[in-house]
Protein backbone atom coordinates (compact mmCIF):
# COMPACT_ATOMS: atom_id res chain seq x y z
CA MET A 1 288.10 -54.98 -67.84
CA LEU A 2 289.22 -52.21 -64.84
CA ALA A 3 292.30 -51.73 -66.42
CA ALA A 4 290.38 -50.98 -69.86
CA THR A 5 288.01 -48.77 -67.73
CA ARG A 6 290.66 -46.84 -66.08
CA LEU A 7 292.20 -46.12 -69.46
CA THR A 8 288.82 -44.92 -70.98
CA TYR A 9 287.97 -42.59 -68.05
CA ARG A 10 291.79 -41.12 -68.71
CA ILE A 11 291.23 -40.60 -72.11
CA ASN A 12 287.80 -39.13 -71.92
CA ARG A 13 289.04 -37.12 -68.43
CA PHE A 14 288.39 -33.78 -69.38
CA GLU A 15 284.48 -34.27 -70.98
CA VAL A 16 284.10 -36.97 -67.84
CA TRP A 17 285.09 -33.93 -65.37
CA SER A 18 283.08 -31.45 -67.07
CA ILE A 19 279.95 -33.04 -66.64
CA THR A 20 280.52 -34.20 -63.35
CA VAL A 21 281.43 -30.99 -61.84
CA MET A 22 278.41 -29.44 -64.25
CA THR A 23 276.11 -32.37 -62.22
CA VAL A 24 277.18 -31.69 -59.06
CA LEU A 25 277.17 -27.69 -58.85
CA SER A 26 273.88 -28.00 -60.13
CA VAL A 27 272.98 -30.32 -57.47
CA ILE A 28 274.21 -28.25 -54.66
CA VAL A 29 272.27 -25.30 -56.08
CA SER A 30 269.50 -26.60 -56.63
CA THR A 31 268.97 -28.33 -53.23
CA ALA A 32 269.64 -24.98 -51.74
CA VAL A 33 267.07 -23.50 -53.62
CA VAL A 34 264.39 -26.14 -52.68
CA ALA A 35 265.31 -26.31 -49.31
CA TRP A 36 264.75 -22.43 -49.03
CA LEU A 37 261.29 -22.52 -51.19
CA ALA A 38 260.44 -25.41 -48.56
CA GLN A 39 261.27 -23.92 -45.21
CA SER A 40 260.08 -20.38 -46.17
CA GLY A 41 256.85 -21.00 -47.85
CA TYR A 42 257.70 -18.42 -50.57
CA ALA A 43 256.16 -20.32 -53.28
CA ASN A 44 252.95 -20.11 -51.75
CA CYS A 45 252.88 -16.25 -51.88
CA ARG A 46 250.31 -14.68 -53.52
CA GLY A 47 249.21 -10.91 -53.78
CA ASP A 48 245.54 -9.84 -54.01
CA GLU A 49 243.80 -8.41 -56.63
CA PHE A 50 245.79 -5.13 -56.02
CA GLY A 51 249.08 -7.39 -55.83
CA ASN A 52 249.25 -6.52 -52.40
CA MET A 53 251.07 -9.26 -50.12
CA ASP A 54 251.05 -10.39 -46.33
CA ALA A 55 253.88 -8.89 -44.34
CA HIS A 56 255.49 -12.27 -43.72
CA CYS A 57 255.62 -12.84 -47.74
CA LEU A 58 257.03 -8.99 -48.20
CA SER A 59 259.69 -9.89 -45.66
CA LEU A 60 261.18 -12.93 -47.92
CA ALA A 61 260.34 -11.04 -51.47
CA ALA A 62 264.12 -9.53 -51.60
CA ILE A 63 265.52 -13.07 -51.85
CA GLY A 64 262.74 -14.35 -52.52
CA ASP A 65 262.28 -13.26 -56.04
CA TRP A 66 265.91 -14.12 -56.90
CA VAL A 67 265.44 -17.98 -55.71
CA ILE A 68 262.48 -17.88 -57.78
CA ARG A 69 264.17 -16.87 -60.84
CA ILE A 70 267.38 -19.50 -60.18
CA ASP A 71 264.37 -22.41 -60.13
CA ARG A 72 263.07 -21.15 -63.40
CA ALA A 73 266.24 -20.69 -65.24
CA SER A 74 267.88 -23.97 -63.57
CA LEU A 75 264.54 -25.41 -65.14
CA SER A 76 265.17 -23.91 -68.89
CA LEU A 77 269.26 -25.52 -68.51
CA VAL A 78 267.60 -28.59 -67.74
CA LEU A 79 266.22 -29.12 -71.56
CA LEU A 80 269.99 -28.22 -72.87
CA PHE A 81 271.46 -31.05 -70.49
CA PRO A 82 270.63 -34.45 -72.52
CA PHE A 83 272.46 -32.38 -75.79
CA ILE A 84 275.24 -30.93 -73.72
CA ALA A 85 275.91 -34.33 -72.02
CA GLY A 86 275.21 -36.49 -74.95
CA LEU A 87 277.31 -34.72 -77.64
CA LEU A 88 280.38 -34.11 -75.13
CA LEU A 89 281.06 -37.71 -73.73
CA GLY A 90 279.33 -39.33 -76.65
CA ALA A 91 280.38 -37.63 -80.06
CA PRO A 92 284.71 -37.91 -79.49
CA LEU A 93 284.42 -41.25 -77.93
CA VAL A 94 284.89 -43.18 -80.64
CA ALA A 95 285.40 -40.32 -83.69
CA ARG A 96 288.22 -38.79 -81.69
CA GLU A 97 290.42 -42.28 -81.77
CA ILE A 98 289.84 -42.87 -85.36
CA ASP A 99 290.75 -38.85 -86.32
CA ARG A 100 294.16 -39.13 -84.27
CA GLY A 101 294.72 -42.88 -85.90
CA THR A 102 294.44 -44.65 -82.06
CA ALA A 103 291.87 -46.56 -82.91
CA ARG A 104 293.86 -48.07 -85.57
CA LEU A 105 297.01 -49.02 -83.32
CA ALA A 106 294.65 -50.19 -80.47
CA TRP A 107 292.31 -52.29 -83.62
CA SER A 108 295.78 -53.79 -84.44
CA LEU A 109 296.80 -54.93 -80.71
CA SER A 110 293.26 -55.73 -79.54
CA PRO A 111 291.96 -59.48 -79.99
CA SER A 112 288.56 -58.11 -81.12
CA ARG A 113 287.36 -54.66 -81.98
CA LEU A 114 284.10 -55.40 -80.67
CA ARG A 115 285.58 -55.14 -77.28
CA TRP A 116 287.28 -52.54 -77.57
CA TYR A 117 284.30 -50.94 -78.24
CA VAL A 118 282.58 -52.47 -75.44
CA HIS A 119 285.32 -51.21 -73.42
CA ARG A 120 284.99 -47.49 -74.49
CA VAL A 121 281.29 -47.24 -74.28
CA THR A 122 279.95 -48.74 -71.54
CA PRO A 123 282.05 -46.58 -68.69
CA ILE A 124 281.10 -43.35 -70.54
CA LEU A 125 277.59 -44.27 -70.79
CA VAL A 126 277.20 -45.58 -66.88
CA VAL A 127 278.93 -41.56 -66.36
CA LEU A 128 276.19 -40.08 -69.00
CA GLY A 129 273.00 -41.93 -67.34
CA VAL A 130 273.56 -41.22 -63.82
CA ALA A 131 274.89 -37.41 -64.81
CA ALA A 132 271.52 -36.92 -66.60
CA LEU A 133 269.14 -39.27 -63.90
CA ALA A 134 270.72 -37.00 -61.26
CA ILE A 135 269.55 -33.78 -63.26
CA GLY A 136 266.18 -35.23 -63.87
CA VAL A 137 265.76 -35.78 -60.23
CA VAL A 138 266.93 -32.00 -59.39
CA ALA A 139 264.51 -30.77 -62.07
CA ASP A 140 261.32 -32.67 -60.61
CA ARG A 141 262.14 -31.21 -57.28
CA LEU A 142 262.47 -27.89 -58.46
CA THR A 143 259.18 -28.13 -60.12
CA GLY A 144 257.68 -29.39 -57.07
CA ALA A 145 259.19 -26.53 -55.30
CA LEU A 146 257.67 -23.71 -57.49
CA MET A 147 254.28 -25.36 -57.65
CA PRO A 148 254.19 -27.49 -53.72
CA ALA A 149 250.64 -28.00 -54.35
CA GLU A 150 250.94 -30.24 -57.46
CA ASP A 151 251.13 -33.80 -57.44
CA LEU A 152 253.68 -34.32 -59.90
CA ALA A 153 253.48 -37.95 -60.07
CA ASN A 154 250.28 -37.17 -61.32
CA SER A 155 250.75 -34.41 -63.44
CA PHE A 156 252.17 -33.49 -67.11
CA VAL A 157 253.69 -30.58 -65.64
CA GLY A 158 257.25 -29.94 -67.17
CA PHE A 159 256.70 -32.97 -69.13
CA HIS A 160 259.62 -33.95 -71.18
CA GLY A 161 261.67 -31.77 -68.68
CA ARG A 162 261.92 -33.17 -65.43
CA GLY A 163 262.45 -36.64 -64.36
CA VAL A 164 263.70 -40.13 -66.22
CA LEU A 165 263.19 -38.59 -69.51
CA ILE A 166 266.01 -36.14 -69.30
CA ALA A 167 268.33 -39.29 -68.65
CA THR A 168 266.69 -41.74 -71.71
CA GLY A 169 267.18 -38.15 -73.66
CA ALA A 170 270.67 -38.19 -72.78
CA LEU A 171 271.60 -41.79 -73.83
CA LEU A 172 269.96 -41.83 -77.12
CA VAL A 173 271.53 -38.18 -77.96
CA GLY A 174 274.95 -40.15 -76.62
CA SER A 175 274.42 -43.29 -78.36
CA THR A 176 273.56 -41.21 -81.78
CA ALA A 177 276.70 -39.57 -81.34
CA VAL A 178 278.91 -42.70 -80.70
CA ALA A 179 277.12 -44.32 -83.54
CA LEU A 180 277.67 -41.22 -85.86
CA GLY A 181 281.19 -40.86 -84.76
CA ALA A 182 281.86 -44.72 -85.83
CA VAL A 183 280.77 -43.41 -89.26
CA LEU A 184 282.57 -39.95 -89.75
CA GLY A 185 285.42 -40.45 -87.59
CA ARG A 186 285.76 -36.37 -87.11
CA PRO A 187 284.32 -35.33 -83.52
CA MET A 188 283.17 -31.79 -84.73
CA GLN A 189 281.06 -32.95 -88.10
CA THR A 190 279.87 -35.73 -85.39
CA ILE A 191 278.97 -33.30 -83.16
CA LEU A 192 276.73 -31.10 -85.24
CA LEU A 193 274.95 -34.21 -87.12
CA ALA A 194 274.25 -35.49 -83.54
CA LEU A 195 272.57 -32.57 -82.54
CA VAL A 196 270.27 -32.36 -85.24
CA LEU A 197 269.79 -35.87 -85.61
CA GLY A 198 269.45 -36.66 -81.82
CA GLY A 199 266.98 -33.58 -81.52
CA LEU A 200 264.55 -34.93 -84.43
CA LEU A 201 264.58 -38.53 -82.90
CA GLN A 202 263.32 -37.24 -79.65
CA VAL A 203 260.69 -35.42 -81.19
CA ALA A 204 259.61 -37.97 -83.62
CA VAL A 205 259.33 -40.45 -80.14
CA SER A 206 256.85 -37.42 -78.76
CA GLU A 207 255.16 -36.86 -82.29
CA VAL A 208 254.35 -40.71 -82.57
CA ASP A 209 253.45 -41.34 -78.89
CA ARG A 210 250.88 -38.57 -79.30
CA LYS A 211 249.57 -39.10 -82.72
CA VAL A 212 249.63 -43.12 -82.31
CA PHE A 213 249.08 -44.01 -78.76
CA LEU A 214 247.46 -40.79 -76.73
CA GLN A 215 245.10 -40.01 -79.37
CA ASN A 216 243.28 -43.27 -78.99
CA GLU A 217 243.76 -42.89 -74.79
CA THR A 218 242.08 -39.42 -74.22
CA VAL A 219 238.91 -38.64 -71.62
CA VAL A 220 236.00 -37.11 -72.23
CA ASP A 221 236.42 -33.75 -70.01
CA ALA A 222 233.17 -32.05 -70.08
CA THR A 223 233.68 -29.64 -66.94
CA GLY A 224 234.96 -26.65 -69.01
CA ASN A 225 237.91 -26.11 -66.21
CA TYR A 226 241.54 -26.41 -67.46
CA SER A 227 244.39 -27.63 -65.50
CA ASP A 228 248.19 -27.77 -66.29
CA SER A 229 248.23 -31.29 -65.29
CA ASN A 230 246.84 -32.79 -67.88
CA ILE A 231 247.54 -32.84 -71.90
CA TYR A 232 244.68 -31.20 -73.96
CA LEU A 233 244.95 -32.77 -77.49
CA ASP A 234 241.65 -31.64 -79.21
CA SER A 235 237.83 -30.71 -78.58
CA ARG A 236 234.65 -31.94 -79.59
CA PHE A 237 230.99 -30.99 -80.15
CA VAL A 238 228.24 -33.42 -78.37
CA LEU A 239 225.64 -33.92 -80.49
CA PRO A 240 222.04 -35.05 -79.49
CA ASP A 241 222.66 -38.90 -79.71
CA GLY A 242 225.82 -38.32 -77.25
CA SER A 243 228.08 -38.99 -80.06
CA LEU A 244 230.95 -36.85 -80.72
CA ALA A 245 231.77 -34.38 -83.63
CA THR A 246 234.75 -32.28 -85.20
CA TRP A 247 233.91 -28.56 -86.15
CA ASP A 248 233.59 -30.29 -89.77
CA GLU A 249 231.09 -32.95 -89.10
CA LEU A 250 229.33 -30.43 -87.10
CA ILE A 251 228.51 -28.14 -89.76
CA ALA A 252 227.92 -31.52 -92.53
CA TYR A 253 225.18 -32.41 -89.28
CA ASP A 254 223.70 -28.99 -88.99
CA PRO A 255 224.87 -26.83 -91.36
CA SER A 256 222.63 -24.07 -90.23
CA ILE A 257 225.21 -22.87 -87.23
CA LEU A 258 227.48 -21.11 -89.73
CA THR A 259 224.47 -18.48 -90.18
CA ALA A 260 223.42 -18.58 -86.39
CA GLU A 261 223.86 -15.14 -84.80
CA MET A 262 225.32 -17.01 -81.67
CA GLY A 263 227.43 -19.64 -83.26
CA PRO A 264 226.82 -23.38 -81.91
CA THR A 265 224.80 -24.30 -79.57
CA TYR A 266 226.20 -27.76 -79.22
CA PRO A 267 228.17 -28.14 -75.88
CA ASN A 268 232.12 -28.26 -76.23
CA VAL A 269 234.09 -30.93 -74.66
CA SER A 270 237.68 -31.47 -74.54
CA LEU A 271 239.79 -34.63 -74.98
CA ILE A 272 242.41 -34.79 -72.42
CA ILE A 273 245.15 -37.57 -71.29
CA PRO A 274 244.33 -37.35 -67.46
CA GLY A 275 247.41 -36.03 -65.09
CA SER A 276 247.02 -39.90 -63.56
CA ARG A 277 248.36 -41.27 -66.87
CA TYR A 278 251.46 -39.49 -66.34
CA ARG A 279 254.03 -42.08 -65.28
CA SER A 280 252.95 -44.78 -68.09
CA VAL A 281 253.15 -42.41 -70.42
CA GLU A 282 256.80 -41.30 -69.19
CA ALA A 283 257.62 -45.13 -69.05
CA ARG A 284 256.32 -45.46 -72.49
CA GLU A 285 258.19 -42.95 -74.07
CA ALA A 286 261.40 -43.64 -71.59
CA LEU A 287 261.50 -47.24 -73.09
CA ALA A 288 261.23 -45.99 -76.84
CA GLU A 289 264.24 -43.46 -76.23
CA LEU A 290 265.96 -46.69 -74.56
CA ALA A 291 265.13 -48.72 -77.41
CA ILE A 292 266.91 -46.18 -79.93
CA ALA A 293 269.91 -45.86 -77.80
CA ALA A 294 270.16 -49.83 -77.91
CA VAL A 295 269.77 -49.57 -81.60
CA MET A 296 272.07 -46.75 -82.33
CA LEU A 297 274.80 -48.63 -79.83
CA VAL A 298 274.42 -51.84 -81.92
CA ALA A 299 274.73 -49.91 -85.25
CA GLY A 300 278.34 -48.47 -83.64
CA GLY A 301 279.35 -51.64 -83.05
CA VAL A 302 278.44 -53.14 -86.35
CA ILE A 303 279.80 -50.22 -87.79
CA VAL A 304 283.64 -50.48 -85.82
CA MET A 305 283.66 -53.90 -86.66
CA ARG A 306 283.38 -53.47 -90.50
CA ARG A 307 285.43 -50.17 -90.49
CA ARG A 308 288.56 -50.55 -92.74
CA PRO A 309 291.45 -49.51 -90.66
CA GLY A 310 292.81 -46.89 -92.52
């Protein structure tokens, strides 16, 4: 197993080193950004109604503006990391060996194609998962540095752009690329198709969660105060009997509102997912992405075992 792992890393050393260097540089830069913002307190600097800052904030503005820009740019790039890392590591893993013909030779020598597949896939997925998790943690810290007053463990700020979902998203994309590579046997075609399919699968997980689960888990918020910590899904009107109605249901209940000069006089409330549910929602979507990744890996293994040698 150790020899097979070493061989796998050697075959994919360019991809592994690229992702490793990218991750290490990101961690170093982000750590410096987070440390500076935490020590300087610049993220808490706010101007008055005329945009004027106090002397301390003004003295930090020259470097602080650049640090904030780096923080925000880094968070934007985090959204791309699952695709970059997943495609770079996953797409050529099986497809390249089939394309070059080395897989045919390996299959003729190996007692088990499945063992060959596991030895190729497992070490690379470990690298992918660890690197993506590091980036997810970094993104979490960068978000917290920009919003020091926010309790990120109970907030949907930056949802899908930080934390464990970066790691599971990368594993989903990478596993999809592995399975498609086993089918297509061409790295470039695999990258293009995996980019589309991996993106669609991630969107599908989010949309299914929103429409199947979150819609049934909403909490009524009558405060009228908007908060980035919550997910706002819809709004309703409160009828005299206390029930909630959509706009169409309200019209059916009281058609006179269509001609009323002041519009509806019924109280309006929001249907939200409170920030306190962040961890459970994150865990559910992460498990869904891991389940899809597992299905893709199993499919890739089955294809490898049944694929014709030629």
